[in-house]
């Protein structure tokens, strides 16, 4: 039903992308899913068609010149992610969960951030706590904070939490998801407030903390 409702909106976006910049309306990108299994993810193109031709895979920047005029709006509202409803239907991702990352970045982030690979033990999602509480990540500290939100979700995930996240994500598309709204739905977070923050926001952590985190993630995985 959700996919059916989204089809007319997707059609309009596809036409706008094609009319305002040369290249395909939708592009494909390899991401890592559950247990690190690669899959093809679909997005509306928000950058120039040749954005990574000379550089390869690189992080976006805050004033990224590769992003198109329409692309800025799509990224701000997360409407560029709409084609991923197809990935949901295929079973590649869930509606809510940690966002799937590119394999080129995961290999590096696993080296730089302790425990990063644990997020691969849960099926990734179309949206999540990190997307409501933090803008796109532009550096390593942003990724650490996003990881805190991901583990916070894994620890507390439930149907009720998923419904609240999906509702507020919809509001965000229409620029109606204010901090007050997040507070009302008990979704407002800061990385420092999370029970995971003490280990994730530092360079390293004790081995017993690592084992505790892994056991909690695996226990949660068995119930979702």
N, C-alpha and C. Protein backbone atom coordinates (compact mmCIF):
# COMPACT_ATOMS: atom_id res chain seq x y z
N UNK A 1 0.83 -1.21 0.00
CA UNK A 1 0.00 0.00 0.00
C UNK A 1 0.86 1.26 0.00
N UNK A 2 1.90 1.27 0.84
CA UNK A 2 2.79 2.42 0.92
C UNK A 2 3.45 2.67 -0.43
N UNK A 3 3.87 1.58 -1.09
CA UNK A 3 4.52 1.71 -2.39
C UNK A 3 3.56 2.28 -3.43
N UNK A 4 2.30 1.88 -3.36
CA UNK A 4 1.28 2.37 -4.30
C UNK A 4 1.07 3.87 -4.13
N UNK A 5 0.99 4.32 -2.88
CA UNK A 5 0.81 5.75 -2.59
C UNK A 5 2.02 6.55 -3.08
N UNK A 6 3.21 5.95 -2.97
CA UNK A 6 4.45 6.65 -3.32
C UNK A 6 4.68 6.74 -4.82
N UNK A 7 4.03 5.89 -5.61
CA UNK A 7 4.29 5.85 -7.05
C UNK A 7 4.07 7.19 -7.76
N UNK A 8 2.94 7.88 -7.55
CA UNK A 8 2.76 9.17 -8.23
C UNK A 8 3.82 10.20 -7.84
N UNK A 9 4.19 10.22 -6.56
CA UNK A 9 5.23 11.15 -6.10
C UNK A 9 6.56 10.80 -6.75
N UNK A 10 6.86 9.50 -6.81
CA UNK A 10 8.11 9.05 -7.43
C UNK A 10 8.16 9.43 -8.90
N UNK A 11 7.05 9.32 -9.59
CA UNK A 11 7.00 9.66 -11.01
C UNK A 11 7.32 11.14 -11.23
N UNK A 12 6.76 12.01 -10.38
CA UNK A 12 7.02 13.44 -10.50
C UNK A 12 8.50 13.74 -10.23
N UNK A 13 9.05 13.13 -9.20
CA UNK A 13 10.46 13.36 -8.87
C UNK A 13 11.36 12.90 -10.00
N UNK A 14 11.06 11.73 -10.56
CA UNK A 14 11.87 11.20 -11.67
C UNK A 14 11.89 12.18 -12.84
N UNK A 15 10.74 12.74 -13.18
CA UNK A 15 10.66 13.70 -14.28
C UNK A 15 11.48 14.96 -13.95
N UNK A 16 11.37 15.46 -12.72
CA UNK A 16 12.12 16.65 -12.32
C UNK A 16 13.62 16.43 -12.39
N UNK A 17 14.08 15.28 -11.94
CA UNK A 17 15.52 14.97 -11.99
C UNK A 17 16.00 14.92 -13.43
N UNK A 18 15.23 14.27 -14.30
CA UNK A 18 15.62 14.15 -15.70
C UNK A 18 15.63 15.49 -16.41
N UNK A 19 14.67 16.36 -16.08
CA UNK A 19 14.55 17.64 -16.76
C UNK A 19 15.60 18.66 -16.32
N UNK A 20 16.09 18.53 -15.09
CA UNK A 20 16.97 19.56 -14.53
C UNK A 20 18.45 19.24 -14.59
N UNK A 21 18.81 18.00 -14.94
CA UNK A 21 20.23 17.66 -15.08
C UNK A 21 20.37 16.42 -15.95
N UNK A 22 21.43 16.36 -16.76
CA UNK A 22 21.60 15.20 -17.64
C UNK A 22 21.94 13.94 -16.85
N UNK A 23 21.43 12.82 -17.32
CA UNK A 23 21.70 11.56 -16.64
C UNK A 23 20.42 10.84 -16.25
N UNK A 24 20.58 9.66 -15.70
CA UNK A 24 19.44 8.84 -15.30
C UNK A 24 18.69 9.47 -14.13
N UNK A 25 17.40 9.19 -14.04
CA UNK A 25 16.61 9.69 -12.92
C UNK A 25 16.87 8.90 -11.65
N UNK A 26 17.08 7.61 -11.79
CA UNK A 26 17.37 6.72 -10.66
C UNK A 26 18.73 6.08 -10.90
N UNK A 27 19.52 5.99 -9.85
CA UNK A 27 20.79 5.30 -10.01
C UNK A 27 20.92 4.18 -8.98
N UNK A 28 21.79 3.24 -9.30
CA UNK A 28 22.00 2.07 -8.46
C UNK A 28 23.34 2.17 -7.76
N UNK A 29 23.38 1.65 -6.54
CA UNK A 29 24.61 1.70 -5.75
C UNK A 29 24.67 0.46 -4.87
N UNK A 30 25.84 -0.13 -4.75
CA UNK A 30 26.00 -1.31 -3.90
C UNK A 30 26.12 -0.88 -2.44
N UNK A 31 25.34 -1.48 -1.58
CA UNK A 31 25.40 -1.26 -0.14
C UNK A 31 25.51 -2.61 0.56
N UNK A 32 25.84 -2.57 1.84
CA UNK A 32 25.94 -3.79 2.63
C UNK A 32 24.70 -3.95 3.51
N UNK A 33 24.10 -5.13 3.45
CA UNK A 33 22.91 -5.39 4.23
C UNK A 33 23.20 -6.28 5.44
N UNK A 34 22.23 -7.09 5.81
CA UNK A 34 22.35 -7.97 6.96
C UNK A 34 23.56 -8.89 6.81
N UNK A 35 24.38 -8.96 7.87
CA UNK A 35 25.59 -9.79 7.88
C UNK A 35 26.60 -9.38 6.82
N UNK A 36 26.52 -8.14 6.37
CA UNK A 36 27.49 -7.64 5.40
C UNK A 36 27.26 -8.12 3.98
N UNK A 37 26.07 -8.66 3.71
CA UNK A 37 25.77 -9.13 2.36
C UNK A 37 25.49 -7.96 1.43
N UNK A 38 26.20 -7.87 0.30
CA UNK A 38 25.98 -6.74 -0.61
C UNK A 38 24.66 -6.86 -1.35
N UNK A 39 24.04 -5.73 -1.62
CA UNK A 39 22.83 -5.69 -2.43
C UNK A 39 22.81 -4.39 -3.21
N UNK A 40 21.99 -4.33 -4.23
CA UNK A 40 21.87 -3.13 -5.05
C UNK A 40 20.76 -2.25 -4.50
N UNK A 41 21.13 -1.02 -4.13
CA UNK A 41 20.18 -0.07 -3.57
C UNK A 41 19.84 1.00 -4.62
N UNK A 42 18.61 1.46 -4.61
CA UNK A 42 18.13 2.43 -5.60
C UNK A 42 17.83 3.76 -4.95
N UNK A 43 18.22 4.84 -5.63
CA UNK A 43 17.96 6.19 -5.14
C UNK A 43 17.66 7.11 -6.33
N UNK A 44 16.92 8.17 -6.06
CA UNK A 44 16.83 9.22 -7.07
C UNK A 44 18.18 9.93 -7.10
N UNK A 45 18.65 10.22 -8.29
CA UNK A 45 19.96 10.86 -8.43
C UNK A 45 19.88 12.30 -7.92
N UNK A 46 20.75 12.62 -6.97
CA UNK A 46 20.80 13.97 -6.41
C UNK A 46 22.10 14.69 -6.74
N UNK A 47 23.02 13.99 -7.40
CA UNK A 47 24.29 14.58 -7.82
C UNK A 47 24.42 14.54 -9.34
N UNK A 48 25.42 15.23 -9.85
CA UNK A 48 25.72 15.13 -11.27
C UNK A 48 25.99 13.67 -11.63
N UNK A 49 25.70 13.30 -12.83
CA UNK A 49 25.87 11.92 -13.27
C UNK A 49 27.33 11.47 -13.20
N UNK A 50 28.28 12.41 -13.35
CA UNK A 50 29.71 12.08 -13.33
C UNK A 50 30.35 12.46 -11.99
N UNK A 51 29.57 12.51 -10.91
CA UNK A 51 30.05 13.05 -9.63
C UNK A 51 31.29 12.36 -9.10
N UNK A 52 31.42 11.05 -9.31
CA UNK A 52 32.56 10.32 -8.75
C UNK A 52 33.47 9.75 -9.83
N UNK A 53 33.33 10.26 -11.05
CA UNK A 53 34.13 9.74 -12.16
C UNK A 53 35.63 9.92 -11.93
N UNK A 54 36.01 11.05 -11.35
CA UNK A 54 37.43 11.34 -11.17
C UNK A 54 37.95 10.94 -9.80
N UNK A 55 37.07 10.82 -8.80
CA UNK A 55 37.52 10.61 -7.43
C UNK A 55 37.23 9.22 -6.89
N UNK A 56 36.27 8.52 -7.47
CA UNK A 56 35.81 7.28 -6.86
C UNK A 56 34.89 7.61 -5.70
N UNK A 57 34.65 6.64 -4.82
CA UNK A 57 33.72 6.83 -3.70
C UNK A 57 34.32 7.77 -2.66
N UNK A 58 33.65 8.89 -2.42
CA UNK A 58 34.08 9.85 -1.40
C UNK A 58 32.85 10.33 -0.63
N UNK A 59 33.08 10.76 0.61
CA UNK A 59 31.99 11.31 1.41
C UNK A 59 31.50 12.62 0.82
N UNK A 60 30.22 12.88 1.02
CA UNK A 60 29.68 14.19 0.66
C UNK A 60 30.19 15.23 1.65
N UNK A 61 30.18 16.49 1.23
CA UNK A 61 30.58 17.59 2.09
C UNK A 61 29.39 18.53 2.30
N UNK A 62 29.49 19.43 3.26
CA UNK A 62 28.36 20.30 3.60
C UNK A 62 27.97 21.22 2.46
N UNK A 63 28.94 21.70 1.68
CA UNK A 63 28.67 22.56 0.53
C UNK A 63 29.10 21.82 -0.74
N UNK A 64 28.58 20.63 -0.91
CA UNK A 64 29.01 19.76 -2.00
C UNK A 64 28.54 20.31 -3.34
N UNK A 65 29.50 20.68 -4.19
CA UNK A 65 29.18 21.26 -5.48
C UNK A 65 28.65 20.23 -6.47
N UNK A 66 28.75 18.95 -6.13
CA UNK A 66 28.27 17.91 -7.03
C UNK A 66 26.76 17.73 -6.95
N UNK A 67 26.14 18.23 -5.88
CA UNK A 67 24.70 18.08 -5.69
C UNK A 67 23.94 19.04 -6.60
N UNK A 68 22.93 18.55 -7.29
CA UNK A 68 22.14 19.37 -8.20
C UNK A 68 21.15 20.24 -7.43
N UNK A 69 20.53 21.17 -8.14
CA UNK A 69 19.54 22.05 -7.52
C UNK A 69 18.39 21.25 -6.93
N UNK A 70 17.83 20.33 -7.72
CA UNK A 70 16.75 19.47 -7.23
C UNK A 70 17.28 18.53 -6.16
N UNK A 71 18.53 18.09 -6.33
CA UNK A 71 19.14 17.16 -5.39
C UNK A 71 19.20 17.71 -3.97
N UNK A 72 19.42 19.02 -3.83
CA UNK A 72 19.46 19.63 -2.49
C UNK A 72 18.12 19.44 -1.78
N UNK A 73 17.03 19.66 -2.52
CA UNK A 73 15.71 19.49 -1.93
C UNK A 73 15.44 18.02 -1.61
N UNK A 74 15.82 17.13 -2.52
CA UNK A 74 15.59 15.70 -2.30
C UNK A 74 16.33 15.20 -1.07
N UNK A 75 17.55 15.68 -0.88
CA UNK A 75 18.34 15.25 0.27
C UNK A 75 17.79 15.83 1.56
N UNK A 76 17.36 17.07 1.51
CA UNK A 76 16.83 17.72 2.71
C UNK A 76 15.59 17.01 3.21
N UNK A 77 14.76 16.55 2.29
CA UNK A 77 13.50 15.89 2.65
C UNK A 77 13.61 14.37 2.69
N UNK A 78 14.77 13.84 2.26
CA UNK A 78 15.01 12.40 2.17
C UNK A 78 14.14 11.74 1.09
N UNK A 79 13.58 12.53 0.19
CA UNK A 79 12.79 11.95 -0.89
C UNK A 79 13.66 11.21 -1.90
N UNK A 80 14.97 11.47 -1.89
CA UNK A 80 15.85 10.72 -2.79
C UNK A 80 15.88 9.23 -2.41
N UNK A 81 15.44 8.90 -1.19
CA UNK A 81 15.44 7.52 -0.74
C UNK A 81 14.17 6.76 -1.14
N UNK A 82 13.21 7.44 -1.74
CA UNK A 82 11.91 6.83 -2.03
C UNK A 82 12.00 5.53 -2.85
N UNK A 83 12.88 5.43 -3.84
CA UNK A 83 12.96 4.18 -4.60
C UNK A 83 13.36 2.97 -3.75
N UNK A 84 13.85 3.21 -2.54
CA UNK A 84 14.24 2.09 -1.69
C UNK A 84 13.05 1.33 -1.13
N UNK A 85 11.84 1.83 -1.37
CA UNK A 85 10.67 1.02 -1.04
C UNK A 85 10.70 -0.29 -1.82
N UNK A 86 11.30 -0.23 -3.01
CA UNK A 86 11.49 -1.46 -3.80
C UNK A 86 12.43 -2.42 -3.07
N UNK A 87 13.49 -1.86 -2.45
CA UNK A 87 14.41 -2.68 -1.66
C UNK A 87 13.71 -3.29 -0.45
N UNK A 88 12.75 -2.54 0.12
CA UNK A 88 11.97 -3.06 1.24
C UNK A 88 11.14 -4.24 0.77
N UNK A 89 10.48 -4.11 -0.39
CA UNK A 89 9.66 -5.17 -0.93
C UNK A 89 10.49 -6.41 -1.25
N UNK A 90 11.74 -6.19 -1.69
CA UNK A 90 12.63 -7.31 -2.01
C UNK A 90 13.18 -7.99 -0.76
N UNK A 91 13.10 -7.29 0.38
CA UNK A 91 13.64 -7.86 1.61
C UNK A 91 15.09 -7.48 1.88
N UNK A 92 15.65 -6.57 1.06
CA UNK A 92 17.03 -6.12 1.28
C UNK A 92 17.16 -5.31 2.55
N UNK A 93 16.14 -4.47 2.80
CA UNK A 93 16.16 -3.60 3.98
C UNK A 93 14.78 -3.62 4.62
N UNK A 94 14.72 -3.13 5.87
CA UNK A 94 13.45 -2.96 6.57
C UNK A 94 13.02 -1.50 6.44
N UNK A 95 11.83 -1.18 6.89
CA UNK A 95 11.40 0.22 6.88
C UNK A 95 12.22 1.05 7.88
N UNK A 96 12.55 0.44 9.03
CA UNK A 96 13.30 1.14 10.06
C UNK A 96 14.53 0.32 10.45
N UNK A 97 15.65 0.98 10.60
CA UNK A 97 16.88 0.30 11.00
C UNK A 97 18.08 1.16 10.66
N UNK A 98 19.29 0.72 10.96
CA UNK A 98 20.49 1.48 10.59
C UNK A 98 20.56 1.62 9.07
N UNK A 99 20.97 2.78 8.59
CA UNK A 99 21.06 2.98 7.15
C UNK A 99 22.19 2.13 6.57
N UNK A 100 21.97 1.48 5.42
CA UNK A 100 23.02 0.66 4.82
C UNK A 100 24.14 1.54 4.26
N UNK A 101 25.37 1.08 4.42
CA UNK A 101 26.53 1.87 3.99
C UNK A 101 27.22 1.21 2.80
N UNK A 102 28.01 1.99 2.09
CA UNK A 102 28.76 1.48 0.94
C UNK A 102 29.93 0.64 1.42
N UNK A 103 30.23 -0.47 0.71
CA UNK A 103 31.32 -1.35 1.16
C UNK A 103 32.67 -0.66 1.23
N UNK A 104 32.90 0.32 0.33
CA UNK A 104 34.19 1.02 0.34
C UNK A 104 34.37 1.78 1.66
N UNK A 105 33.29 2.31 2.19
CA UNK A 105 33.37 3.07 3.43
C UNK A 105 33.40 2.14 4.65
N UNK A 106 32.63 1.05 4.58
CA UNK A 106 32.57 0.12 5.72
C UNK A 106 33.95 -0.44 6.03
N UNK A 107 34.69 -0.82 5.01
CA UNK A 107 36.03 -1.40 5.21
C UNK A 107 36.93 -0.44 5.99
N UNK A 108 36.82 0.86 5.68
CA UNK A 108 37.64 1.85 6.37
C UNK A 108 37.09 2.16 7.76
N UNK A 109 35.78 2.26 7.89
CA UNK A 109 35.17 2.60 9.17
C UNK A 109 35.38 1.50 10.21
N UNK A 110 35.41 0.26 9.76
CA UNK A 110 35.68 -0.85 10.69
C UNK A 110 37.07 -0.72 11.31
N UNK A 111 38.00 -0.15 10.56
CA UNK A 111 39.35 0.04 11.07
C UNK A 111 39.41 1.22 12.03
N UNK A 112 38.58 2.23 11.78
CA UNK A 112 38.69 3.49 12.52
C UNK A 112 37.78 3.57 13.74
N UNK A 113 36.67 2.79 13.74
CA UNK A 113 35.70 2.89 14.84
C UNK A 113 35.46 1.51 15.43
N UNK A 114 35.81 1.34 16.69
CA UNK A 114 35.59 0.06 17.37
C UNK A 114 34.10 -0.28 17.38
N UNK A 115 33.77 -1.51 17.03
CA UNK A 115 32.40 -1.98 17.09
C UNK A 115 31.52 -1.58 15.91
N UNK A 116 32.08 -0.90 14.91
CA UNK A 116 31.26 -0.45 13.79
C UNK A 116 30.57 -1.61 13.09
N UNK A 117 31.26 -2.72 12.94
CA UNK A 117 30.70 -3.85 12.19
C UNK A 117 29.47 -4.45 12.84
N UNK A 118 29.24 -4.15 14.14
CA UNK A 118 28.10 -4.75 14.83
C UNK A 118 26.76 -4.31 14.24
N UNK A 119 26.74 -3.13 13.61
CA UNK A 119 25.48 -2.66 13.02
C UNK A 119 25.05 -3.55 11.85
N UNK A 120 25.97 -4.35 11.33
CA UNK A 120 25.63 -5.25 10.23
C UNK A 120 24.90 -6.50 10.72
N UNK A 121 24.79 -6.67 12.03
CA UNK A 121 24.08 -7.83 12.57
C UNK A 121 22.56 -7.61 12.58
N UNK A 122 22.12 -6.40 12.22
CA UNK A 122 20.70 -6.08 12.15
C UNK A 122 20.39 -5.63 10.72
N UNK A 123 19.24 -6.03 10.19
CA UNK A 123 18.87 -5.61 8.83
C UNK A 123 18.80 -4.08 8.76
N UNK A 124 19.43 -3.48 7.77
CA UNK A 124 19.38 -2.02 7.64
C UNK A 124 17.97 -1.55 7.31
N UNK A 125 17.76 -0.22 7.41
CA UNK A 125 16.43 0.31 7.21
C UNK A 125 16.38 1.52 6.30
N UNK A 126 15.17 1.89 5.92
CA UNK A 126 14.94 3.06 5.09
C UNK A 126 15.13 4.34 5.89
N UNK A 127 14.78 4.30 7.17
CA UNK A 127 14.96 5.45 8.05
C UNK A 127 15.26 4.94 9.45
N UNK A 128 15.59 5.86 10.36
CA UNK A 128 15.92 5.45 11.71
C UNK A 128 16.09 6.63 12.64
N UNK A 129 16.48 6.34 13.87
CA UNK A 129 16.70 7.40 14.86
C UNK A 129 17.76 8.39 14.40
N UNK A 130 18.81 7.88 13.77
CA UNK A 130 19.90 8.75 13.34
C UNK A 130 19.42 9.76 12.31
N UNK A 131 18.52 9.36 11.42
CA UNK A 131 18.04 10.25 10.37
C UNK A 131 17.13 11.36 10.95
N UNK A 132 16.51 11.11 12.08
CA UNK A 132 15.66 12.11 12.71
C UNK A 132 16.44 13.07 13.60
N UNK A 133 17.55 12.60 14.14
CA UNK A 133 18.28 13.38 15.14
C UNK A 133 19.60 13.96 14.65
N UNK A 134 20.00 13.61 13.44
CA UNK A 134 21.30 14.08 12.96
C UNK A 134 21.25 14.25 11.46
N UNK A 135 21.93 15.29 10.98
CA UNK A 135 22.04 15.49 9.54
C UNK A 135 23.01 14.45 8.97
N UNK A 136 23.21 14.49 7.67
CA UNK A 136 24.14 13.54 7.04
C UNK A 136 25.52 13.64 7.68
N UNK A 137 26.24 12.51 7.73
CA UNK A 137 27.57 12.53 8.34
C UNK A 137 28.61 13.00 7.32
N UNK A 138 29.47 13.90 7.80
CA UNK A 138 30.50 14.47 6.94
C UNK A 138 31.91 14.14 7.42
N UNK A 139 32.04 13.59 8.62
CA UNK A 139 33.37 13.22 9.11
C UNK A 139 33.23 12.05 10.08
N UNK A 140 34.35 11.61 10.62
CA UNK A 140 34.38 10.42 11.47
C UNK A 140 33.58 10.60 12.75
N UNK A 141 33.62 11.79 13.33
CA UNK A 141 32.85 12.02 14.56
C UNK A 141 31.35 11.96 14.30
N UNK A 142 30.93 12.42 13.12
CA UNK A 142 29.52 12.30 12.76
C UNK A 142 29.11 10.83 12.67
N UNK A 143 29.98 10.01 12.11
CA UNK A 143 29.69 8.58 12.00
C UNK A 143 29.60 7.94 13.38
N UNK A 144 30.49 8.33 14.28
CA UNK A 144 30.44 7.80 15.65
C UNK A 144 29.10 8.12 16.30
N UNK A 145 28.65 9.35 16.13
CA UNK A 145 27.37 9.74 16.71
C UNK A 145 26.21 9.00 16.06
N UNK A 146 26.27 8.83 14.77
CA UNK A 146 25.22 8.08 14.08
C UNK A 146 25.17 6.65 14.59
N UNK A 147 26.34 6.10 14.86
CA UNK A 147 26.40 4.73 15.36
C UNK A 147 25.76 4.61 16.75
N UNK A 148 25.90 5.66 17.55
CA UNK A 148 25.25 5.67 18.86
C UNK A 148 23.74 5.58 18.69
N UNK A 149 23.19 6.36 17.77
CA UNK A 149 21.75 6.31 17.52
C UNK A 149 21.32 4.94 16.99
N UNK A 150 22.15 4.35 16.13
CA UNK A 150 21.84 3.02 15.59
C UNK A 150 21.75 1.98 16.70
N UNK A 151 22.71 2.00 17.60
CA UNK A 151 22.71 1.03 18.70
C UNK A 151 21.60 1.32 19.70
N UNK A 152 21.27 2.60 19.86
CA UNK A 152 20.14 2.96 20.72
C UNK A 152 18.86 2.34 20.16
N UNK A 153 18.70 2.41 18.84
CA UNK A 153 17.51 1.80 18.21
C UNK A 153 17.53 0.28 18.39
N UNK A 154 18.68 -0.34 18.15
CA UNK A 154 18.77 -1.79 18.27
C UNK A 154 18.39 -2.25 19.67
N UNK A 155 18.82 -1.48 20.67
CA UNK A 155 18.55 -1.84 22.06
C UNK A 155 17.07 -1.72 22.42
N UNK A 156 16.38 -0.74 21.82
CA UNK A 156 15.01 -0.45 22.23
C UNK A 156 13.98 -0.71 21.15
N UNK A 157 14.36 -1.33 20.04
CA UNK A 157 13.44 -1.45 18.90
C UNK A 157 12.17 -2.21 19.27
N UNK A 158 11.06 -1.73 18.75
CA UNK A 158 9.75 -2.33 18.97
C UNK A 158 8.83 -1.82 17.88
N UNK A 159 7.66 -2.44 17.75
CA UNK A 159 6.70 -1.98 16.75
C UNK A 159 6.27 -0.55 17.02
N UNK A 160 6.05 -0.22 18.29
CA UNK A 160 5.65 1.13 18.65
C UNK A 160 6.70 2.16 18.28
N UNK A 161 7.96 1.83 18.53
CA UNK A 161 9.05 2.74 18.18
C UNK A 161 9.14 2.91 16.67
N UNK A 162 8.98 1.82 15.93
CA UNK A 162 9.03 1.89 14.46
C UNK A 162 7.93 2.79 13.92
N UNK A 163 6.72 2.68 14.47
CA UNK A 163 5.59 3.49 14.01
C UNK A 163 5.87 4.97 14.26
N UNK A 164 6.41 5.29 15.43
CA UNK A 164 6.72 6.69 15.75
C UNK A 164 7.81 7.24 14.82
N UNK A 165 8.82 6.43 14.54
CA UNK A 165 9.90 6.86 13.65
C UNK A 165 9.38 7.09 12.24
N UNK A 166 8.54 6.18 11.75
CA UNK A 166 7.98 6.32 10.40
C UNK A 166 7.09 7.55 10.31
N UNK A 167 6.29 7.81 11.35
CA UNK A 167 5.40 8.97 11.34
C UNK A 167 6.21 10.26 11.30
N UNK A 168 7.24 10.35 12.15
CA UNK A 168 8.05 11.57 12.20
C UNK A 168 8.90 11.73 10.93
N UNK A 169 9.29 10.62 10.31
CA UNK A 169 10.01 10.70 9.04
C UNK A 169 9.10 11.29 7.97
N UNK A 170 7.83 10.89 7.97
CA UNK A 170 6.87 11.46 7.03
C UNK A 170 6.70 12.96 7.27
N UNK A 171 6.62 13.36 8.54
CA UNK A 171 6.52 14.78 8.87
C UNK A 171 7.76 15.55 8.39
N UNK A 172 8.91 14.90 8.47
CA UNK A 172 10.15 15.56 8.06
C UNK A 172 10.14 15.87 6.57
N UNK A 173 9.53 15.01 5.79
CA UNK A 173 9.42 15.25 4.34
C UNK A 173 8.71 16.58 4.08
N UNK A 174 7.75 16.93 4.94
CA UNK A 174 6.98 18.16 4.78
C UNK A 174 7.49 19.28 5.69
N UNK A 175 8.72 19.11 6.21
CA UNK A 175 9.36 20.11 7.08
C UNK A 175 8.54 20.39 8.33
N UNK A 176 7.87 19.37 8.84
CA UNK A 176 7.03 19.52 10.03
C UNK A 176 7.60 18.79 11.25
N UNK A 177 8.76 18.21 11.10
CA UNK A 177 9.34 17.44 12.20
C UNK A 177 10.30 18.32 13.01
N UNK A 178 9.75 19.11 13.90
CA UNK A 178 10.55 20.02 14.72
C UNK A 178 11.08 19.29 15.96
N UNK A 179 12.04 19.89 16.66
CA UNK A 179 12.51 19.30 17.91
C UNK A 179 11.37 19.06 18.90
N UNK A 180 10.38 19.96 18.91
CA UNK A 180 9.24 19.79 19.81
C UNK A 180 8.43 18.54 19.45
N UNK A 181 8.29 18.27 18.17
CA UNK A 181 7.58 17.07 17.73
C UNK A 181 8.35 15.82 18.14
N UNK A 182 9.66 15.83 17.95
CA UNK A 182 10.47 14.67 18.36
C UNK A 182 10.38 14.45 19.86
N UNK A 183 10.37 15.54 20.62
CA UNK A 183 10.21 15.41 22.07
C UNK A 183 8.86 14.81 22.44
N UNK A 184 7.81 15.26 21.76
CA UNK A 184 6.46 14.77 22.04
C UNK A 184 6.37 13.26 21.81
N UNK A 185 7.01 12.78 20.75
CA UNK A 185 6.97 11.36 20.43
C UNK A 185 8.12 10.59 21.08
N UNK A 186 8.84 11.24 21.97
CA UNK A 186 9.94 10.62 22.73
C UNK A 186 11.00 10.03 21.80
N UNK A 187 11.32 10.78 20.75
CA UNK A 187 12.33 10.35 19.79
C UNK A 187 13.55 11.27 19.78
N UNK A 188 13.49 12.35 20.54
CA UNK A 188 14.61 13.27 20.58
C UNK A 188 15.79 12.62 21.30
N UNK A 189 16.95 12.66 20.68
CA UNK A 189 18.16 12.06 21.26
C UNK A 189 19.36 12.97 21.02
N UNK A 190 20.34 12.85 21.90
CA UNK A 190 21.68 13.33 21.62
C UNK A 190 22.61 12.16 21.83
N UNK A 191 23.67 12.13 21.07
CA UNK A 191 24.57 10.98 21.15
C UNK A 191 25.10 10.78 22.56
N UNK A 192 25.36 11.90 23.26
CA UNK A 192 25.94 11.82 24.60
C UNK A 192 24.99 11.25 25.64
N UNK A 193 23.68 11.28 25.38
CA UNK A 193 22.71 10.79 26.34
C UNK A 193 22.55 9.27 26.30
N UNK A 194 22.97 8.65 25.22
CA UNK A 194 22.73 7.23 25.03
C UNK A 194 23.60 6.39 25.96
N UNK A 195 23.08 5.22 26.33
CA UNK A 195 23.86 4.30 27.17
C UNK A 195 25.08 3.75 26.44
N UNK A 196 25.07 3.88 25.10
CA UNK A 196 26.21 3.40 24.32
C UNK A 196 27.30 4.45 24.18
N UNK A 197 27.00 5.69 24.54
CA UNK A 197 27.88 6.79 24.20
C UNK A 197 29.26 6.68 24.83
N UNK A 198 29.31 6.19 26.06
CA UNK A 198 30.59 6.17 26.79
C UNK A 198 31.66 5.39 26.04
N UNK A 199 31.26 4.38 25.28
CA UNK A 199 32.25 3.60 24.54
C UNK A 199 32.40 4.06 23.11
N UNK A 200 31.30 4.45 22.47
CA UNK A 200 31.37 4.78 21.05
C UNK A 200 31.99 6.14 20.76
N UNK A 201 31.91 7.07 21.70
CA UNK A 201 32.44 8.40 21.45
C UNK A 201 33.89 8.54 21.93
N UNK A 202 34.50 7.45 22.30
CA UNK A 202 35.91 7.46 22.67
C UNK A 202 36.69 6.59 21.69
N UNK A 203 37.99 6.68 21.75
CA UNK A 203 38.83 5.94 20.79
C UNK A 203 38.76 4.44 21.00
N UNK A 204 38.72 4.01 22.25
CA UNK A 204 38.73 2.57 22.53
C UNK A 204 37.87 2.29 23.75
N UNK A 205 37.65 1.00 24.04
CA UNK A 205 36.86 0.63 25.20
C UNK A 205 37.32 -0.72 25.71
N UNK A 206 36.93 -1.05 26.96
CA UNK A 206 37.38 -2.29 27.58
C UNK A 206 36.75 -3.49 26.88
N UNK A 207 37.45 -4.62 26.89
CA UNK A 207 36.98 -5.81 26.18
C UNK A 207 35.66 -6.32 26.75
N UNK A 208 35.45 -6.15 28.07
CA UNK A 208 34.19 -6.62 28.63
C UNK A 208 33.01 -5.81 28.12
N UNK A 209 33.23 -4.54 27.82
CA UNK A 209 32.18 -3.71 27.23
C UNK A 209 31.87 -4.19 25.81
N UNK A 210 32.91 -4.58 25.08
CA UNK A 210 32.71 -5.08 23.72
C UNK A 210 31.86 -6.34 23.74
N UNK A 211 32.17 -7.25 24.65
CA UNK A 211 31.42 -8.50 24.75
C UNK A 211 29.97 -8.23 25.17
N UNK A 212 29.78 -7.28 26.08
CA UNK A 212 28.44 -6.95 26.54
C UNK A 212 27.61 -6.38 25.39
N UNK A 213 28.20 -5.49 24.62
CA UNK A 213 27.50 -4.89 23.50
C UNK A 213 27.11 -5.95 22.47
N UNK A 214 28.05 -6.82 22.13
CA UNK A 214 27.77 -7.85 21.13
C UNK A 214 26.66 -8.79 21.59
N UNK A 215 26.67 -9.17 22.87
CA UNK A 215 25.65 -10.08 23.36
C UNK A 215 24.27 -9.42 23.34
N UNK A 216 24.21 -8.13 23.63
CA UNK A 216 22.93 -7.42 23.61
C UNK A 216 22.40 -7.29 22.18
N UNK A 217 23.31 -7.02 21.25
CA UNK A 217 22.88 -6.91 19.84
C UNK A 217 22.38 -8.26 19.33
N UNK A 218 23.08 -9.33 19.63
CA UNK A 218 22.69 -10.64 19.14
C UNK A 218 21.37 -11.09 19.80
N UNK A 219 21.17 -10.71 21.07
CA UNK A 219 19.93 -11.05 21.74
C UNK A 219 18.76 -10.31 21.09
N UNK A 220 18.98 -9.05 20.76
CA UNK A 220 17.93 -8.26 20.09
C UNK A 220 17.66 -8.79 18.70
N UNK A 221 18.70 -9.20 18.00
CA UNK A 221 18.53 -9.74 16.65
C UNK A 221 17.63 -10.96 16.66
N UNK A 222 17.71 -11.77 17.70
CA UNK A 222 16.93 -13.00 17.77
C UNK A 222 15.44 -12.72 17.96
N UNK A 223 15.11 -11.47 18.34
CA UNK A 223 13.71 -11.15 18.62
C UNK A 223 13.06 -10.29 17.55
N UNK A 224 13.82 -9.87 16.53
CA UNK A 224 13.24 -9.00 15.49
C UNK A 224 13.29 -9.66 14.14
